[in-house]
């Protein structure tokens, strides 16, 4: 059987690490770790992290659409985002 995490690209892995840290009670530690990781010249950088966070957001949004029985996942996500943020124009 194939490892389900093998399809997750490196930017998305970074996003998962950041979100996992952020979910812990010690947000100060998480913020410091994230800030350090983003500023470390040995890491891929902010663009990489932003791409990963967007990828992870889409993965979770699609899973939310599926869990809500949506047939058109992207349309459901777009509608959900519009409901969450009324200032986004149609």
N, C-alpha and C. Protein backbone atom coordinates (compact mmCIF):
# COMPACT_ATOMS: atom_id res chain seq x y z
N UNK A 1 0.84 -1.18 0.00
CA UNK A 1 0.00 0.00 0.00
C UNK A 1 0.88 1.24 0.00
N UNK A 2 0.49 2.25 -0.73
CA UNK A 2 1.25 3.48 -0.85
C UNK A 2 1.00 4.36 0.37
N UNK A 3 2.06 5.00 0.85
CA UNK A 3 1.95 5.92 1.96
C UNK A 3 1.14 7.13 1.51
N UNK A 4 0.00 7.45 2.19
CA UNK A 4 -0.83 8.58 1.75
C UNK A 4 -0.09 9.91 1.86
N UNK A 5 0.92 9.99 2.71
CA UNK A 5 1.66 11.23 2.85
C UNK A 5 2.69 11.43 1.74
N UNK A 6 2.94 10.39 0.94
CA UNK A 6 3.94 10.52 -0.12
C UNK A 6 3.50 11.50 -1.20
N UNK A 7 2.20 11.74 -1.33
CA UNK A 7 1.69 12.67 -2.34
C UNK A 7 1.74 14.12 -1.86
N UNK A 8 2.06 14.32 -0.60
CA UNK A 8 2.12 15.68 -0.05
C UNK A 8 3.49 16.27 -0.36
N UNK A 9 3.47 17.43 -1.04
CA UNK A 9 4.73 18.04 -1.44
C UNK A 9 5.41 18.75 -0.26
N UNK A 10 6.70 19.08 -0.41
CA UNK A 10 7.44 19.71 0.70
C UNK A 10 6.81 21.00 1.24
N UNK A 11 6.30 21.91 0.40
CA UNK A 11 5.67 23.10 0.98
C UNK A 11 4.47 22.75 1.87
N UNK A 12 3.69 21.75 1.47
CA UNK A 12 2.52 21.37 2.26
C UNK A 12 2.95 20.70 3.56
N UNK A 13 4.05 19.97 3.53
CA UNK A 13 4.58 19.38 4.77
C UNK A 13 4.97 20.48 5.76
N UNK A 14 5.57 21.55 5.26
CA UNK A 14 5.92 22.69 6.12
C UNK A 14 4.65 23.28 6.73
N UNK A 15 3.61 23.43 5.92
CA UNK A 15 2.35 23.99 6.41
C UNK A 15 1.74 23.09 7.49
N UNK A 16 1.82 21.79 7.30
CA UNK A 16 1.29 20.87 8.30
C UNK A 16 2.08 21.01 9.60
N UNK A 17 3.39 21.13 9.49
CA UNK A 17 4.21 21.34 10.69
C UNK A 17 3.80 22.63 11.40
N UNK A 18 3.65 23.71 10.65
CA UNK A 18 3.28 24.99 11.25
C UNK A 18 1.91 24.91 11.91
N UNK A 19 0.94 24.33 11.23
CA UNK A 19 -0.41 24.24 11.78
C UNK A 19 -0.44 23.34 13.01
N UNK A 20 0.30 22.25 12.97
CA UNK A 20 0.37 21.35 14.12
C UNK A 20 0.91 22.08 15.34
N UNK A 21 1.98 22.85 15.13
CA UNK A 21 2.52 23.66 16.24
C UNK A 21 1.50 24.69 16.72
N UNK A 22 0.83 25.34 15.77
CA UNK A 22 -0.12 26.41 16.11
C UNK A 22 -1.31 25.89 16.91
N UNK A 23 -1.64 24.61 16.74
CA UNK A 23 -2.77 24.02 17.45
C UNK A 23 -2.44 23.69 18.91
N UNK A 24 -1.16 23.69 19.26
CA UNK A 24 -0.75 23.42 20.64
C UNK A 24 -1.08 24.63 21.52
N UNK A 25 -1.21 24.42 22.81
CA UNK A 25 -1.56 25.53 23.71
C UNK A 25 -0.52 26.65 23.77
N UNK A 26 0.76 26.32 23.54
CA UNK A 26 1.82 27.32 23.65
C UNK A 26 2.02 28.03 22.31
N UNK A 27 1.14 28.99 22.04
CA UNK A 27 1.22 29.72 20.77
C UNK A 27 2.49 30.56 20.67
N UNK A 28 2.99 31.02 21.81
CA UNK A 28 4.22 31.82 21.79
C UNK A 28 5.37 30.98 21.24
N UNK A 29 5.48 29.74 21.71
CA UNK A 29 6.52 28.85 21.19
C UNK A 29 6.33 28.61 19.69
N UNK A 30 5.08 28.37 19.30
CA UNK A 30 4.79 28.12 17.89
C UNK A 30 5.19 29.33 17.05
N UNK A 31 4.82 30.52 17.50
CA UNK A 31 5.15 31.74 16.75
C UNK A 31 6.66 31.92 16.63
N UNK A 32 7.36 31.66 17.71
CA UNK A 32 8.82 31.79 17.67
C UNK A 32 9.45 30.77 16.73
N UNK A 33 8.96 29.55 16.79
CA UNK A 33 9.49 28.49 15.91
C UNK A 33 9.23 28.84 14.44
N UNK A 34 8.02 29.27 14.15
CA UNK A 34 7.65 29.62 12.77
C UNK A 34 8.49 30.79 12.28
N UNK A 35 8.64 31.81 13.11
CA UNK A 35 9.44 32.97 12.75
C UNK A 35 10.89 32.56 12.48
N UNK A 36 11.42 31.71 13.34
CA UNK A 36 12.80 31.24 13.16
C UNK A 36 12.92 30.42 11.88
N UNK A 37 11.97 29.53 11.63
CA UNK A 37 12.01 28.70 10.43
C UNK A 37 11.93 29.55 9.17
N UNK A 38 11.10 30.58 9.18
CA UNK A 38 10.95 31.42 8.00
C UNK A 38 12.18 32.29 7.74
N UNK A 39 12.91 32.60 8.82
CA UNK A 39 14.08 33.45 8.67
C UNK A 39 15.38 32.70 8.48
N UNK A 40 15.34 31.38 8.63
CA UNK A 40 16.55 30.57 8.53
C UNK A 40 16.97 30.45 7.06
N UNK A 41 18.20 30.88 6.73
CA UNK A 41 18.64 30.80 5.34
C UNK A 41 18.76 29.37 4.81
N UNK A 42 18.77 28.39 5.70
CA UNK A 42 18.87 27.00 5.28
C UNK A 42 17.52 26.37 4.95
N UNK A 43 16.45 27.15 5.09
CA UNK A 43 15.11 26.63 4.77
C UNK A 43 14.61 27.27 3.48
N UNK A 44 13.60 26.67 2.86
CA UNK A 44 13.12 27.17 1.57
C UNK A 44 12.56 28.59 1.58
N UNK A 45 12.08 29.07 2.70
CA UNK A 45 11.65 30.47 2.76
C UNK A 45 10.16 30.69 2.80
N UNK A 46 9.83 31.97 2.84
CA UNK A 46 8.44 32.40 3.01
C UNK A 46 7.53 32.00 1.85
N UNK A 47 8.02 32.15 0.62
CA UNK A 47 7.21 31.78 -0.55
C UNK A 47 6.80 30.30 -0.48
N UNK A 48 7.73 29.48 -0.08
CA UNK A 48 7.53 28.05 0.07
C UNK A 48 6.44 27.80 1.13
N UNK A 49 6.55 28.49 2.26
CA UNK A 49 5.58 28.32 3.34
C UNK A 49 4.20 28.80 2.93
N UNK A 50 4.13 29.94 2.24
CA UNK A 50 2.84 30.45 1.79
C UNK A 50 2.18 29.48 0.82
N UNK A 51 2.96 28.96 -0.13
CA UNK A 51 2.41 27.98 -1.08
C UNK A 51 1.89 26.75 -0.33
N UNK A 52 2.63 26.30 0.66
CA UNK A 52 2.20 25.15 1.44
C UNK A 52 0.93 25.42 2.22
N UNK A 53 0.83 26.60 2.81
CA UNK A 53 -0.38 26.95 3.56
C UNK A 53 -1.60 27.03 2.63
N UNK A 54 -1.40 27.54 1.43
CA UNK A 54 -2.50 27.57 0.46
C UNK A 54 -2.88 26.15 0.02
N UNK A 55 -1.87 25.31 -0.22
CA UNK A 55 -2.15 23.92 -0.58
C UNK A 55 -2.93 23.22 0.53
N UNK A 56 -2.47 23.37 1.76
CA UNK A 56 -3.14 22.74 2.89
C UNK A 56 -4.56 23.28 3.05
N UNK A 57 -4.73 24.56 2.85
CA UNK A 57 -6.08 25.15 2.93
C UNK A 57 -7.00 24.52 1.91
N UNK A 58 -6.51 24.33 0.69
CA UNK A 58 -7.34 23.70 -0.34
C UNK A 58 -7.67 22.25 0.00
N UNK A 59 -6.68 21.52 0.49
CA UNK A 59 -6.93 20.13 0.88
C UNK A 59 -8.03 20.07 1.93
N UNK A 60 -7.90 20.90 2.96
CA UNK A 60 -8.89 20.89 4.05
C UNK A 60 -10.24 21.41 3.58
N UNK A 61 -10.25 22.39 2.70
CA UNK A 61 -11.51 22.93 2.18
C UNK A 61 -12.25 21.89 1.34
N UNK A 62 -11.51 21.16 0.51
CA UNK A 62 -12.12 20.11 -0.30
C UNK A 62 -12.67 19.00 0.60
N UNK A 63 -11.91 18.64 1.63
CA UNK A 63 -12.38 17.62 2.57
C UNK A 63 -13.64 18.09 3.29
N UNK A 64 -13.72 19.38 3.61
CA UNK A 64 -14.91 19.94 4.24
C UNK A 64 -16.10 19.87 3.29
N UNK A 65 -15.87 20.19 2.03
CA UNK A 65 -16.93 20.11 1.02
C UNK A 65 -17.42 18.67 0.89
N UNK A 66 -16.49 17.73 0.85
CA UNK A 66 -16.87 16.32 0.75
C UNK A 66 -17.68 15.89 1.97
N UNK A 67 -17.24 16.31 3.16
CA UNK A 67 -17.94 15.94 4.39
C UNK A 67 -19.35 16.52 4.45
N UNK A 68 -19.55 17.63 3.74
CA UNK A 68 -20.87 18.26 3.69
C UNK A 68 -21.70 17.77 2.51
N UNK A 69 -21.22 16.76 1.82
CA UNK A 69 -21.98 16.14 0.74
C UNK A 69 -22.05 16.94 -0.54
N UNK A 70 -21.13 17.87 -0.73
CA UNK A 70 -21.13 18.69 -1.94
C UNK A 70 -20.76 17.85 -3.15
N UNK A 71 -21.45 18.08 -4.25
CA UNK A 71 -21.11 17.41 -5.51
C UNK A 71 -20.01 18.18 -6.23
N UNK A 72 -20.14 19.48 -6.27
CA UNK A 72 -19.13 20.34 -6.90
C UNK A 72 -18.30 20.96 -5.77
N UNK A 73 -17.18 20.33 -5.47
CA UNK A 73 -16.38 20.73 -4.32
C UNK A 73 -15.89 22.16 -4.39
N UNK A 74 -15.35 22.55 -5.54
CA UNK A 74 -14.81 23.91 -5.65
C UNK A 74 -15.90 24.96 -5.56
N UNK A 75 -17.05 24.70 -6.14
CA UNK A 75 -18.17 25.66 -6.03
C UNK A 75 -18.62 25.77 -4.58
N UNK A 76 -18.68 24.64 -3.87
CA UNK A 76 -19.09 24.66 -2.47
C UNK A 76 -18.09 25.47 -1.65
N UNK A 77 -16.79 25.25 -1.89
CA UNK A 77 -15.75 25.99 -1.16
C UNK A 77 -15.87 27.48 -1.45
N UNK A 78 -16.03 27.85 -2.72
CA UNK A 78 -16.16 29.27 -3.07
C UNK A 78 -17.36 29.90 -2.36
N UNK A 79 -18.49 29.20 -2.34
CA UNK A 79 -19.68 29.70 -1.67
C UNK A 79 -19.44 29.82 -0.17
N UNK A 80 -18.80 28.84 0.41
CA UNK A 80 -18.49 28.86 1.85
C UNK A 80 -17.59 30.05 2.19
N UNK A 81 -16.59 30.28 1.37
CA UNK A 81 -15.69 31.41 1.60
C UNK A 81 -16.43 32.74 1.48
N UNK A 82 -17.35 32.83 0.51
CA UNK A 82 -18.15 34.05 0.38
C UNK A 82 -18.99 34.29 1.62
N UNK A 83 -19.57 33.22 2.17
CA UNK A 83 -20.37 33.36 3.40
C UNK A 83 -19.50 33.77 4.59
N UNK A 84 -18.26 33.29 4.60
CA UNK A 84 -17.35 33.63 5.70
C UNK A 84 -16.85 35.07 5.61
N UNK A 85 -16.80 35.60 4.41
CA UNK A 85 -16.25 36.93 4.21
C UNK A 85 -17.15 37.74 3.30
N UNK A 86 -18.15 38.39 3.89
CA UNK A 86 -19.12 39.13 3.07
C UNK A 86 -18.51 40.24 2.21
N UNK A 87 -17.34 40.72 2.54
CA UNK A 87 -16.75 41.81 1.75
C UNK A 87 -16.12 41.33 0.45
N UNK A 88 -16.03 40.02 0.23
CA UNK A 88 -15.51 39.51 -1.05
C UNK A 88 -16.61 39.65 -2.08
N UNK A 89 -16.35 40.37 -3.18
CA UNK A 89 -17.41 40.55 -4.20
C UNK A 89 -17.72 39.24 -4.92
N UNK A 90 -18.96 39.15 -5.42
CA UNK A 90 -19.38 37.97 -6.17
C UNK A 90 -18.70 37.88 -7.51
